[in-house]
Amino acid sequence: MNNIDLWLAVLQRGKKNYEVATEAKIHATNLSQLINNHYPQTIKQKQEIPNVLQRAMNELFKDRLKEVA
């Protein structure tokens, strides 16, 4: 599942993915992978990306619980 909150925050900021990634000191590919939930975020990423997007960390990186059948 995609991180829609992160994707929308990037769009609303009016910047390109690579611009946000550069300001957050990560590679643009990593930002794309975070948006698409291809790997978990590091603490540093959870701190830097919201600062760049001027959002709260919990707005962008909500812990999603897996359903247990």
C-alpha atoms as a PDB file:
ATOM      1  CA  MET A   1       0.000   0.000   0.000  1.00  0.00           C
ATOM      2  CA  ASN A   2       1.299   3.475  -0.849  1.00  0.00           C
ATOM      3  CA  ASN A   3       1.940   6.196   1.682  1.00  0.00           C
ATOM      4  CA  ILE A   4      -0.678   8.558   0.281  1.00  0.00           C
ATOM      5  CA  ASP A   5      -0.141  11.110   3.052  1.00  0.00           C
ATOM      6  CA  LEU A   6       3.519  11.503   2.116  1.00  0.00           C
ATOM      7  CA  TRP A   7       2.742  11.668  -1.594  1.00  0.00           C
ATOM      8  CA  LEU A   8       0.091  14.362  -1.074  1.00  0.00           C
ATOM      9  CA  ALA A   9       2.404  16.389   1.162  1.00  0.00           C
ATOM     10  CA  VAL A  10       5.044  16.442  -1.580  1.00  0.00           C
ATOM     11  CA  LEU A  11       2.454  17.568  -4.142  1.00  0.00           C
ATOM     12  CA  GLN A  12       0.995  20.220  -1.850  1.00  0.00           C
ATOM     13  CA  ARG A  13       4.454  21.623  -1.141  1.00  0.00           C
ATOM     14  CA  GLY A  14       4.757  22.346  -4.860  1.00  0.00           C
ATOM     15  CA  LYS A  15       8.161  20.736  -5.242  1.00  0.00           C
ATOM     16  CA  LYS A  16       9.457  17.877  -7.313  1.00  0.00           C
ATOM     17  CA  ASN A  17      10.323  14.603  -5.585  1.00  0.00           C
ATOM     18  CA  TYR A  18      14.020  15.125  -6.243  1.00  0.00           C
ATOM     19  CA  GLU A  19      13.906  18.606  -4.694  1.00  0.00           C
ATOM     20  CA  VAL A  20      12.313  17.296  -1.503  1.00  0.00           C
ATOM     21  CA  ALA A  21      14.765  14.392  -1.412  1.00  0.00           C
ATOM     22  CA  THR A  22      17.765  16.691  -1.841  1.00  0.00           C
ATOM     23  CA  GLU A  23      16.613  18.974   0.969  1.00  0.00           C
ATOM     24  CA  ALA A  24      15.991  15.923   3.186  1.00  0.00           C
ATOM     25  CA  LYS A  25      19.500  14.653   2.372  1.00  0.00           C
ATOM     26  CA  ILE A  26      18.313  11.415   0.794  1.00  0.00           C
ATOM     27  CA  HIS A  27      18.388  10.100  -2.763  1.00  0.00           C
ATOM     28  CA  ALA A  28      15.294  10.709  -4.903  1.00  0.00           C
ATOM     29  CA  THR A  29      14.949   6.957  -5.400  1.00  0.00           C
ATOM     30  CA  ASN A  30      14.715   6.493  -1.641  1.00  0.00           C
ATOM     31  CA  LEU A  31      11.900   9.034  -1.406  1.00  0.00           C
ATOM     32  CA  SER A  32      10.029   7.203  -4.137  1.00  0.00           C
ATOM     33  CA  GLN A  33      10.554   3.922  -2.316  1.00  0.00           C
ATOM     34  CA  LEU A  34       9.228   5.462   0.898  1.00  0.00           C
ATOM     35  CA  ILE A  35       6.142   6.788  -0.874  1.00  0.00           C
ATOM     36  CA  ASN A  36       5.510   3.330  -2.331  1.00  0.00           C
ATOM     37  CA  ASN A  37       6.304   1.574   0.973  1.00  0.00           C
ATOM     38  CA  HIS A  38       9.042  -0.578  -0.531  1.00  0.00           C
ATOM     39  CA  TYR A  39      11.107  -0.391   2.632  1.00  0.00           C
ATOM     40  CA  PRO A  40      10.671   1.001   6.173  1.00  0.00           C
ATOM     41  CA  GLN A  41      11.747   4.522   7.039  1.00  0.00           C
ATOM     42  CA  THR A  42      14.754   5.238   9.208  1.00  0.00           C
ATOM     43  CA  ILE A  43      14.506   7.550  12.195  1.00  0.00           C
ATOM     44  CA  LYS A  44      16.583  10.144  10.320  1.00  0.00           C
ATOM     45  CA  GLN A  45      14.202  10.042   7.346  1.00  0.00           C
ATOM     46  CA  LYS A  46      11.214  10.313   9.686  1.00  0.00           C
ATOM     47  CA  GLN A  47      12.772  13.496  11.059  1.00  0.00           C
ATOM     48  CA  GLU A  48      14.140  15.144   7.905  1.00  0.00           C
ATOM     49  CA  ILE A  49      11.260  14.648   5.454  1.00  0.00           C
ATOM     50  CA  PRO A  50       8.554  16.253   7.640  1.00  0.00           C
ATOM     51  CA  ASN A  51      10.887  19.217   8.283  1.00  0.00           C
ATOM     52  CA  VAL A  52      11.289  19.776   4.548  1.00  0.00           C
ATOM     53  CA  LEU A  53       7.553  19.408   3.922  1.00  0.00           C
ATOM     54  CA  GLN A  54       6.651  21.496   6.983  1.00  0.00           C
ATOM     55  CA  ARG A  55       4.456  18.745   8.383  1.00  0.00           C
ATOM     56  CA  ALA A  56       4.299  16.763  11.604  1.00  0.00           C
ATOM     57  CA  MET A  57       6.005  13.376  11.597  1.00  0.00           C
ATOM     58  CA  ASN A  58       2.820  11.547  12.613  1.00  0.00           C
ATOM     59  CA  GLU A  59       0.959  13.062   9.646  1.00  0.00           C
ATOM     60  CA  LEU A  60       3.321  11.477   7.147  1.00  0.00           C
ATOM     61  CA  PHE A  61       4.435   8.248   8.796  1.00  0.00           C
ATOM     62  CA  LYS A  62       1.451   6.615  10.414  1.00  0.00           C
ATOM     63  CA  ASP A  63       2.118   3.139  11.714  1.00  0.00           C
ATOM     64  CA  ARG A  64      -0.224   0.824   9.913  1.00  0.00           C
ATOM     65  CA  LEU A  65      -1.392  -2.235  11.762  1.00  0.00           C
ATOM     66  CA  LYS A  66      -1.635  -5.512   9.905  1.00  0.00           C
ATOM     67  CA  GLU A  67      -4.918  -7.291  10.180  1.00  0.00           C
ATOM     68  CA  VAL A  68      -4.742 -10.632  11.894  1.00  0.00           C
ATOM     69  CA  ALA A  69      -7.161 -13.198  10.547  1.00  0.00           C
END
